[in-house]
Amino acid sequence: MKQMFKTKIGHMLDNGDKLELEAFVEAASHDDAFAQAKERLKSVVSELAGVADIEIDKTKVEFGAHKHH
């Protein structure tokens, strides 16, 4: 039986930056939800790579922040 999952996945870059995706998916299991979220992240990255200007809907900018290693 499928149910709704809220997924949060992220990819860490070598420089410490992180790309995250939060998505709601209908899936039969945790593993299925994770796989769907990974595919959505790949799709979003591909879509954004093809646009001249990325529309930003939410921001958070912190002054004096320190990187976590």
PDB file of N, CA and C in Angstrom:
ATOM      1  N   MET A   1       0.831  -1.173   0.000  1.00  0.00           N
ATOM      2  CA  MET A   1       0.000   0.000   0.000  1.00  0.00           C
ATOM      3  C   MET A   1       0.883   1.246   0.000  1.00  0.00           C
ATOM      4  N   LYS A   2       0.583   2.161  -0.884  1.00  0.00           N
ATOM      5  CA  LYS A   2       1.362   3.397  -0.955  1.00  0.00           C
ATOM      6  C   LYS A   2       0.867   4.397   0.071  1.00  0.00           C
ATOM      7  N   GLN A   3       1.792   5.225   0.526  1.00  0.00           N
ATOM      8  CA  GLN A   3       1.448   6.305   1.439  1.00  0.00           C
ATOM      9  C   GLN A   3       2.333   7.510   1.128  1.00  0.00           C
ATOM     10  N   MET A   4       1.984   8.668   1.673  1.00  0.00           N
ATOM     11  CA  MET A   4       2.749   9.880   1.425  1.00  0.00           C
ATOM     12  C   MET A   4       3.948   9.942   2.361  1.00  0.00           C
ATOM     13  N   PHE A   5       5.074  10.330   1.801  1.00  0.00           N
ATOM     14  CA  PHE A   5       6.308  10.528   2.561  1.00  0.00           C
ATOM     15  C   PHE A   5       6.802  11.949   2.297  1.00  0.00           C
ATOM     16  N   LYS A   6       7.327  12.584   3.332  1.00  0.00           N
ATOM     17  CA  LYS A   6       8.045  13.844   3.167  1.00  0.00           C
ATOM     18  C   LYS A   6       9.515  13.470   3.187  1.00  0.00           C
ATOM     19  N   THR A   7      10.219  13.765   2.107  1.00  0.00           N
ATOM     20  CA  THR A   7      11.623  13.399   1.998  1.00  0.00           C
ATOM     21  C   THR A   7      12.494  14.650   2.036  1.00  0.00           C
ATOM     22  N   LYS A   8      13.660  14.520   2.630  1.00  0.00           N
ATOM     23  CA  LYS A   8      14.679  15.564   2.612  1.00  0.00           C
ATOM     24  C   LYS A   8      15.990  14.865   2.289  1.00  0.00           C
ATOM     25  N   ILE A   9      16.578  15.230   1.158  1.00  0.00           N
ATOM     26  CA  ILE A   9      17.858  14.638   0.783  1.00  0.00           C
ATOM     27  C   ILE A   9      18.817  15.763   0.421  1.00  0.00           C
ATOM     28  N   GLY A  10      20.101  15.493   0.538  1.00  0.00           N
ATOM     29  CA  GLY A  10      21.089  16.510   0.229  1.00  0.00           C
ATOM     30  C   GLY A  10      22.345  15.906  -0.363  1.00  0.00           C
ATOM     31  N   HIS A  11      23.059  16.719  -1.125  1.00  0.00           N
ATOM     32  CA  HIS A  11      24.328  16.317  -1.716  1.00  0.00           C
ATOM     33  C   HIS A  11      25.395  17.297  -1.247  1.00  0.00           C
ATOM     34  N   MET A  12      26.444  16.795  -0.623  1.00  0.00           N
ATOM     35  CA  MET A  12      27.538  17.632  -0.148  1.00  0.00           C
ATOM     36  C   MET A  12      28.598  17.761  -1.236  1.00  0.00           C
ATOM     37  N   LEU A  13      28.984  18.988  -1.507  1.00  0.00           N
ATOM     38  CA  LEU A  13      30.038  19.250  -2.485  1.00  0.00           C
ATOM     39  C   LEU A  13      31.398  19.232  -1.791  1.00  0.00           C
ATOM     40  N   ASP A  14      32.458  19.079  -2.565  1.00  0.00           N
ATOM     41  CA  ASP A  14      33.802  19.003  -2.004  1.00  0.00           C
ATOM     42  C   ASP A  14      34.191  20.258  -1.214  1.00  0.00           C
ATOM     43  N   ASN A  15      33.610  21.400  -1.580  1.00  0.00           N
ATOM     44  CA  ASN A  15      33.953  22.649  -0.903  1.00  0.00           C
ATOM     45  C   ASN A  15      33.114  22.893   0.352  1.00  0.00           C
ATOM     46  N   GLY A  16      32.249  21.939   0.727  1.00  0.00           N
ATOM     47  CA  GLY A  16      31.433  22.066   1.927  1.00  0.00           C
ATOM     48  C   GLY A  16      30.038  22.600   1.673  1.00  0.00           C
ATOM     49  N   ASP A  17      29.773  23.080   0.459  1.00  0.00           N
ATOM     50  CA  ASP A  17      28.427  23.538   0.120  1.00  0.00           C
ATOM     51  C   ASP A  17      27.491  22.333   0.048  1.00  0.00           C
ATOM     52  N   LYS A  18      26.194  22.593   0.227  1.00  0.00           N
ATOM     53  CA  LYS A  18      25.216  21.503   0.220  1.00  0.00           C
ATOM     54  C   LYS A  18      24.024  21.901  -0.637  1.00  0.00           C
ATOM     55  N   LEU A  19      23.575  20.985  -1.465  1.00  0.00           N
ATOM     56  CA  LEU A  19      22.365  21.151  -2.258  1.00  0.00           C
ATOM     57  C   LEU A  19      21.323  20.214  -1.666  1.00  0.00           C
ATOM     58  N   GLU A  20      20.153  20.773  -1.267  1.00  0.00           N
ATOM     59  CA  GLU A  20      19.119  19.965  -0.630  1.00  0.00           C
ATOM     60  C   GLU A  20      17.814  20.031  -1.412  1.00  0.00           C
ATOM     61  N   LEU A  21      17.043  18.959  -1.294  1.00  0.00           N
ATOM     62  CA  LEU A  21      15.714  18.904  -1.886  1.00  0.00           C
ATOM     63  C   LEU A  21      14.754  18.357  -0.832  1.00  0.00           C
ATOM     64  N   GLU A  22      13.620  19.031  -0.680  1.00  0.00           N
ATOM     65  CA  GLU A  22      12.528  18.532   0.151  1.00  0.00           C
ATOM     66  C   GLU A  22      11.378  18.238  -0.798  1.00  0.00           C
ATOM     67  N   ALA A  23      10.884  17.016  -0.768  1.00  0.00           N
ATOM     68  CA  ALA A  23       9.831  16.618  -1.704  1.00  0.00           C
ATOM     69  C   ALA A  23       8.830  15.708  -1.016  1.00  0.00           C
ATOM     70  N   PHE A  24       7.589  15.815  -1.440  1.00  0.00           N
ATOM     71  CA  PHE A  24       6.531  14.916  -0.993  1.00  0.00           C
ATOM     72  C   PHE A  24       6.308  13.885  -2.092  1.00  0.00           C
ATOM     73  N   VAL A  25       6.395  12.610  -1.729  1.00  0.00           N
ATOM     74  CA  VAL A  25       6.235  11.541  -2.714  1.00  0.00           C
ATOM     75  C   VAL A  25       5.263  10.499  -2.188  1.00  0.00           C
ATOM     76  N   GLU A  26       4.578   9.848  -3.098  1.00  0.00           N
ATOM     77  CA  GLU A  26       3.719   8.719  -2.755  1.00  0.00           C
ATOM     78  C   GLU A  26       4.503   7.458  -3.071  1.00  0.00           C
ATOM     79  N   ALA A  27       4.730   6.645  -2.040  1.00  0.00           N
ATOM     80  CA  ALA A  27       5.597   5.489  -2.216  1.00  0.00           C
ATOM     81  C   ALA A  27       5.121   4.323  -1.359  1.00  0.00           C
ATOM     82  N   ALA A  28       5.609   3.133  -1.715  1.00  0.00           N
ATOM     83  CA  ALA A  28       5.234   1.916  -0.997  1.00  0.00           C
ATOM     84  C   ALA A  28       6.134   1.650   0.202  1.00  0.00           C
ATOM     85  N   SER A  29       7.323   2.299   0.240  1.00  0.00           N
ATOM     86  CA  SER A  29       8.264   2.056   1.327  1.00  0.00           C
ATOM     87  C   SER A  29       9.238   3.219   1.443  1.00  0.00           C
ATOM     88  N   HIS A  30      10.015   3.203   2.523  1.00  0.00           N
ATOM     89  CA  HIS A  30      11.059   4.206   2.724  1.00  0.00           C
ATOM     90  C   HIS A  30      12.045   4.184   1.559  1.00  0.00           C
ATOM     91  N   ASP A  31      12.475   2.985   1.170  1.00  0.00           N
ATOM     92  CA  ASP A  31      13.443   2.853   0.077  1.00  0.00           C
ATOM     93  C   ASP A  31      12.876   3.411  -1.227  1.00  0.00           C
ATOM     94  N   ASP A  32      11.600   3.148  -1.490  1.00  0.00           N
ATOM     95  CA  ASP A  32      10.940   3.665  -2.689  1.00  0.00           C
ATOM     96  C   ASP A  32      10.863   5.189  -2.636  1.00  0.00           C
ATOM     97  N   ALA A  33      10.524   5.742  -1.473  1.00  0.00           N
ATOM     98  CA  ALA A  33      10.452   7.199  -1.313  1.00  0.00           C
ATOM     99  C   ALA A  33      11.819   7.823  -1.542  1.00  0.00           C
ATOM    100  N   PHE A  34      12.864   7.214  -0.992  1.00  0.00           N
ATOM    101  CA  PHE A  34      14.226   7.704  -1.186  1.00  0.00           C
ATOM    102  C   PHE A  34      14.617   7.680  -2.662  1.00  0.00           C
ATOM    103  N   ALA A  35      14.317   6.576  -3.342  1.00  0.00           N
ATOM    104  CA  ALA A  35      14.649   6.455  -4.765  1.00  0.00           C
ATOM    105  C   ALA A  35      13.921   7.524  -5.589  1.00  0.00           C
ATOM    106  N   GLN A  36      12.664   7.768  -5.273  1.00  0.00           N
ATOM    107  CA  GLN A  36      11.910   8.798  -5.988  1.00  0.00           C
ATOM    108  C   GLN A  36      12.499  10.184  -5.733  1.00  0.00           C
ATOM    109  N   ALA A  37      12.884  10.443  -4.494  1.00  0.00           N
ATOM    110  CA  ALA A  37      13.474  11.744  -4.164  1.00  0.00           C
ATOM    111  C   ALA A  37      14.793  11.943  -4.909  1.00  0.00           C
ATOM    112  N   LYS A  38      15.606  10.897  -5.003  1.00  0.00           N
ATOM    113  CA  LYS A  38      16.865  10.990  -5.753  1.00  0.00           C
ATOM    114  C   LYS A  38      16.607  11.323  -7.217  1.00  0.00           C
ATOM    115  N   GLU A  39      15.608  10.675  -7.814  1.00  0.00           N
ATOM    116  CA  GLU A  39      15.274  10.950  -9.208  1.00  0.00           C
ATOM    117  C   GLU A  39      14.780  12.382  -9.384  1.00  0.00           C
ATOM    118  N   ARG A  40      13.991  12.863  -8.428  1.00  0.00           N
ATOM    119  CA  ARG A  40      13.510  14.251  -8.497  1.00  0.00           C
ATOM    120  C   ARG A  40      14.669  15.230  -8.398  1.00  0.00           C
ATOM    121  N   LEU A  41      15.631  14.950  -7.513  1.00  0.00           N
ATOM    122  CA  LEU A  41      16.791  15.827  -7.384  1.00  0.00           C
ATOM    123  C   LEU A  41      17.564  15.879  -8.696  1.00  0.00           C
ATOM    124  N   LYS A  42      17.793  14.735  -9.320  1.00  0.00           N
ATOM    125  CA  LYS A  42      18.479  14.706 -10.613  1.00  0.00           C
ATOM    126  C   LYS A  42      17.709  15.501 -11.649  1.00  0.00           C
ATOM    127  N   SER A  43      16.392  15.356 -11.665  1.00  0.00           N
ATOM    128  CA  SER A  43      15.553  16.067 -12.620  1.00  0.00           C
ATOM    129  C   SER A  43      15.612  17.579 -12.393  1.00  0.00           C
ATOM    130  N   VAL A  44      15.534  17.992 -11.131  1.00  0.00           N
ATOM    131  CA  VAL A  44      15.579  19.421 -10.803  1.00  0.00           C
ATOM    132  C   VAL A  44      16.924  20.024 -11.200  1.00  0.00           C
ATOM    133  N   VAL A  45      18.011  19.335 -10.885  1.00  0.00           N
ATOM    134  CA  VAL A  45      19.342  19.837 -11.237  1.00  0.00           C
ATOM    135  C   VAL A  45      19.470  19.976 -12.753  1.00  0.00           C
ATOM    136  N   SER A  46      18.992  19.006 -13.490  1.00  0.00           N
ATOM    137  CA  SER A  46      19.041  19.072 -14.959  1.00  0.00           C
ATOM    138  C   SER A  46      18.216  20.240 -15.481  1.00  0.00           C
ATOM    139  N   GLU A  47      17.024  20.421 -14.919  1.00  0.00           N
ATOM    140  CA  GLU A  47      16.162  21.512 -15.349  1.00  0.00           C
ATOM    141  C   GLU A  47      16.800  22.865 -15.052  1.00  0.00           C
ATOM    142  N   LEU A  48      17.336  23.018 -13.853  1.00  0.00           N
ATOM    143  CA  LEU A  48      17.951  24.291 -13.479  1.00  0.00           C
ATOM    144  C   LEU A  48      19.208  24.585 -14.281  1.00  0.00           C
ATOM    145  N   ALA A  49      19.927  23.550 -14.682  1.00  0.00           N
ATOM    146  CA  ALA A  49      21.136  23.741 -15.488  1.00  0.00           C
ATOM    147  C   ALA A  49      20.811  24.351 -16.845  1.00  0.00           C
ATOM    148  N   GLY A  50      19.576  24.181 -17.296  1.00  0.00           N
ATOM    149  CA  GLY A  50      19.195  24.672 -18.621  1.00  0.00           C
ATOM    150  C   GLY A  50      18.563  26.049 -18.645  1.00  0.00           C
ATOM    151  N   VAL A  51      18.397  26.685 -17.486  1.00  0.00           N
ATOM    152  CA  VAL A  51      17.774  28.012 -17.470  1.00  0.00           C
ATOM    153  C   VAL A  51      18.838  29.079 -17.267  1.00  0.00           C
ATOM    154  N   ALA A  52      18.580  30.257 -17.841  1.00  0.00           N
ATOM    155  CA  ALA A  52      19.547  31.348 -17.749  1.00  0.00           C
ATOM    156  C   ALA A  52      19.579  31.969 -16.357  1.00  0.00           C
ATOM    157  N   ASP A  53      18.430  32.007 -15.681  1.00  0.00           N
ATOM    158  CA  ASP A  53      18.353  32.641 -14.368  1.00  0.00           C
ATOM    159  C   ASP A  53      17.463  31.795 -13.465  1.00  0.00           C
ATOM    160  N   ILE A  54      17.996  31.362 -12.340  1.00  0.00           N
ATOM    161  CA  ILE A  54      17.245  30.533 -11.404  1.00  0.00           C
ATOM    162  C   ILE A  54      16.374  31.432 -10.531  1.00  0.00           C
ATOM    163  N   GLU A  55      15.080  31.133 -10.487  1.00  0.00           N
ATOM    164  CA  GLU A  55      14.163  31.879  -9.628  1.00  0.00           C
ATOM    165  C   GLU A  55      14.288  31.339  -8.203  1.00  0.00           C
ATOM    166  N   ILE A  56      14.573  32.233  -7.270  1.00  0.00           N
ATOM    167  CA  ILE A  56      14.738  31.848  -5.868  1.00  0.00           C
ATOM    168  C   ILE A  56      13.491  32.266  -5.105  1.00  0.00           C
ATOM    169  N   ASP A  57      12.843  31.311  -4.442  1.00  0.00           N
ATOM    170  CA  ASP A  57      11.602  31.573  -3.727  1.00  0.00           C
ATOM    171  C   ASP A  57      11.794  31.686  -2.216  1.00  0.00           C
ATOM    172  N   LYS A  58      12.911  31.215  -1.707  1.00  0.00           N
ATOM    173  CA  LYS A  58      13.152  31.238  -0.262  1.00  0.00           C
ATOM    174  C   LYS A  58      14.645  31.439  -0.044  1.00  0.00           C
ATOM    175  N   THR A  59      14.984  32.306   0.909  1.00  0.00           N
ATOM    176  CA  THR A  59      16.400  32.536   1.188  1.00  0.00           C
ATOM    177  C   THR A  59      16.665  32.519   2.683  1.00  0.00           C
ATOM    178  N   LYS A  60      17.917  32.257   3.019  1.00  0.00           N
ATOM    179  CA  LYS A  60      18.413  32.389   4.386  1.00  0.00           C
ATOM    180  C   LYS A  60      19.892  32.715   4.251  1.00  0.00           C
ATOM    181  N   VAL A  61      20.267  33.907   4.672  1.00  0.00           N
ATOM    182  CA  VAL A  61      21.657  34.343   4.589  1.00  0.00           C
ATOM    183  C   VAL A  61      22.081  34.748   5.996  1.00  0.00           C
ATOM    184  N   GLU A  62      23.160  34.148   6.492  1.00  0.00           N
ATOM    185  CA  GLU A  62      23.623  34.431   7.846  1.00  0.00           C
ATOM    186  C   GLU A  62      24.971  35.130   7.810  1.00  0.00           C
ATOM    187  N   PHE A  63      25.100  36.198   8.572  1.00  0.00           N
ATOM    188  CA  PHE A  63      26.339  36.941   8.685  1.00  0.00           C
ATOM    189  C   PHE A  63      27.243  36.272   9.729  1.00  0.00           C
ATOM    190  N   GLY A  64      28.530  36.188   9.441  1.00  0.00           N
ATOM    191  CA  GLY A  64      29.483  35.665  10.399  1.00  0.00           C
ATOM    192  C   GLY A  64      29.383  34.166  10.635  1.00  0.00           C
ATOM    193  N   ALA A  65      28.821  33.452   9.689  1.00  0.00           N
ATOM    194  CA  ALA A  65      28.670  32.001   9.835  1.00  0.00           C
ATOM    195  C   ALA A  65      30.015  31.297   9.652  1.00  0.00           C
ATOM    196  N   HIS A  66      30.164  30.144  10.271  1.00  0.00           N
ATOM    197  CA  HIS A  66      31.380  29.343  10.161  1.00  0.00           C
ATOM    198  C   HIS A  66      31.039  27.999   9.543  1.00  0.00           C
ATOM    199  N   LYS A  67      31.949  27.518   8.690  1.00  0.00           N
ATOM    200  CA  LYS A  67      31.767  26.212   8.065  1.00  0.00           C
ATOM    201  C   LYS A  67      31.941  25.104   9.100  1.00  0.00           C
ATOM    202  N   HIS A  68      31.128  24.078   8.977  1.00  0.00           N
ATOM    203  CA  HIS A  68      31.290  22.874   9.789  1.00  0.00           C
ATOM    204  C   HIS A  68      32.070  21.875   8.963  1.00  0.00           C
ATOM    205  N   HIS A  69      33.072  21.287   9.555  1.00  0.00           N
ATOM    206  CA  HIS A  69      33.900  20.321   8.811  1.00  0.00           C
ATOM    207  C   HIS A  69      33.521  18.926   9.161  1.00  0.00           C
TER     208      HIS A  69
END
